[in-house]
Amino acid sequence: QVQLVESGGGLVQPGGSLRLSCAASGSIFSIATMHWYRQAPGKQRELVAHITTSSSTGYADSVKGRFTISRDNARNTVYLQMNSLKPEDTAVYYCNARHIYTGNDYWGQGTQVTVSS
């Protein structure tokens, strides 16, 4: 059974930084593209960043140059380093693993990020 557990959310002032972590259990990590999504109140869930099994990355335009996604295959963990945070980054952030062969999606429970002074 695949489990994804996010951590690292919290309250931060504008301009601050946070690092989110997502630890994956089970054997999926090495065969999954990992994603970070976010969902703000009243808005649809949106893709923030992704990283492939070969560590190719992609970002939403709204976070390019401020967020960095990375993965540690030895620890089965994916990270999202968020710098220069803005109030509009406030959302619940979700980790997602997508099996590269089946396309099956697995989701974490989400972690709240609030950017406010």
Protein backbone atom coordinates (compact mmCIF):
# COMPACT_ATOMS: atom_id res chain seq x y z
CA GLN A 1 0.00 0.00 0.00
CA VAL A 2 1.30 3.44 -0.94
CA GLN A 3 1.25 6.21 1.62
CA LEU A 4 2.41 9.78 1.17
CA VAL A 5 2.94 11.94 4.24
CA GLU A 6 3.56 15.66 3.87
CA SER A 7 5.15 17.88 6.47
CA GLY A 8 6.69 21.33 6.77
CA GLY A 9 3.70 23.60 6.33
CA GLY A 10 2.95 26.51 8.61
CA LEU A 11 2.57 30.25 8.94
CA VAL A 12 5.22 32.47 7.41
CA GLN A 13 5.52 36.18 6.68
CA PRO A 14 5.62 37.48 3.11
CA GLY A 15 9.12 37.13 1.74
CA GLY A 16 9.85 34.17 3.97
CA SER A 17 10.69 30.56 3.17
CA LEU A 18 9.38 27.10 3.92
CA ARG A 19 10.43 23.64 2.88
CA LEU A 20 7.79 20.99 2.41
CA SER A 21 8.61 17.30 2.55
CA CYS A 22 6.69 14.30 1.29
CA ALA A 23 7.76 10.87 2.45
CA ALA A 24 6.55 7.91 0.43
CA SER A 25 6.12 4.41 1.75
CA GLY A 26 5.80 1.34 -0.39
CA SER A 27 7.73 0.61 -3.54
CA ILE A 28 6.32 3.31 -5.79
CA PHE A 29 8.83 6.10 -5.30
CA SER A 30 11.40 4.89 -7.83
CA ILE A 31 8.75 4.44 -10.53
CA ALA A 32 6.71 7.57 -10.00
CA THR A 33 6.71 11.12 -11.22
CA MET A 34 6.24 13.23 -8.12
CA HIS A 35 4.11 16.37 -8.05
CA TRP A 36 3.21 19.14 -5.69
CA TYR A 37 -0.27 20.59 -6.10
CA ARG A 38 -1.99 23.29 -4.12
CA GLN A 39 -5.55 24.35 -3.50
CA ALA A 40 -6.56 27.73 -2.15
CA PRO A 41 -10.00 28.32 -0.64
CA GLY A 42 -12.63 28.59 -3.35
CA LYS A 43 -10.18 27.67 -6.11
CA GLN A 44 -9.39 24.57 -8.09
CA ARG A 45 -6.40 22.45 -7.27
CA GLU A 46 -3.43 23.51 -9.39
CA LEU A 47 -0.14 21.90 -10.28
CA VAL A 48 2.81 23.69 -8.73
CA ALA A 49 5.80 21.56 -9.71
CA HIS A 50 6.80 18.10 -10.82
CA ILE A 51 9.93 15.99 -10.90
CA THR A 52 10.43 12.85 -12.98
CA THR A 53 12.30 9.69 -12.09
CA SER A 54 15.31 11.15 -13.90
CA SER A 55 14.93 14.41 -11.92
CA SER A 56 13.69 16.56 -14.77
CA THR A 57 11.57 19.32 -13.31
CA GLY A 58 8.78 21.67 -14.29
CA TYR A 59 7.06 24.58 -12.58
CA ALA A 60 3.94 26.66 -12.80
CA ASP A 61 4.68 30.15 -14.08
CA SER A 62 3.50 31.62 -10.80
CA VAL A 63 6.29 29.93 -8.82
CA LYS A 64 9.19 29.83 -11.30
CA GLY A 65 12.34 31.25 -9.81
CA ARG A 66 10.94 31.03 -6.28
CA PHE A 67 10.19 27.33 -5.70
CA THR A 68 12.47 24.35 -6.19
CA ILE A 69 11.39 20.72 -6.27
CA SER A 70 13.87 17.95 -5.55
CA ARG A 71 13.85 14.29 -4.66
CA ASP A 72 16.01 12.03 -2.53
CA ASN A 73 15.58 8.52 -3.85
CA ALA A 74 17.51 7.00 -0.95
CA ARG A 75 15.00 8.50 1.49
CA ASN A 76 11.90 8.09 -0.74
CA THR A 77 11.24 11.77 -0.18
CA VAL A 78 10.38 14.70 -2.38
CA TYR A 79 10.86 18.29 -1.27
CA LEU A 80 9.49 21.67 -2.23
CA GLN A 81 11.69 24.58 -1.23
CA MET A 82 9.59 27.73 -1.29
CA ASN A 83 11.31 31.11 -1.16
CA SER A 84 10.06 34.68 -1.47
CA LEU A 85 6.62 33.55 -0.40
CA LYS A 86 3.64 35.73 -1.22
CA PRO A 87 0.15 35.86 0.32
CA GLU A 88 -1.21 34.32 -2.88
CA ASP A 89 0.85 31.20 -2.15
CA THR A 90 -1.48 30.49 0.76
CA ALA A 91 -3.09 27.10 0.16
CA VAL A 92 -3.17 23.48 1.18
CA TYR A 93 -0.26 21.78 -0.54
CA TYR A 94 -0.63 18.19 -1.66
CA CYS A 95 1.96 15.65 -2.66
CA ASN A 96 1.09 13.34 -5.55
CA ALA A 97 2.79 10.28 -6.95
CA ARG A 98 1.89 9.11 -10.45
CA HIS A 99 2.96 5.61 -11.44
CA ILE A 100 4.88 5.92 -14.69
CA TYR A 101 3.47 2.69 -16.14
CA THR A 102 -0.13 2.53 -14.89
CA GLY A 103 -0.87 6.22 -14.46
CA ASN A 104 -2.36 5.52 -11.04
CA ASP A 105 -2.38 8.52 -8.73
CA TYR A 106 -1.63 8.53 -5.01
CA TRP A 107 -2.20 11.52 -2.79
CA GLY A 108 -1.04 12.76 0.56
CA GLN A 109 -3.33 14.34 3.12
CA GLY A 110 -2.11 17.87 2.48
CA THR A 111 -0.28 20.45 4.54
CA GLN A 112 -1.42 24.02 5.13
CA VAL A 113 0.80 26.91 4.07
CA THR A 114 -0.28 30.37 5.17
CA VAL A 115 1.61 33.48 4.10
CA SER A 116 0.54 36.47 6.13
CA SER A 117 1.92 39.34 8.13
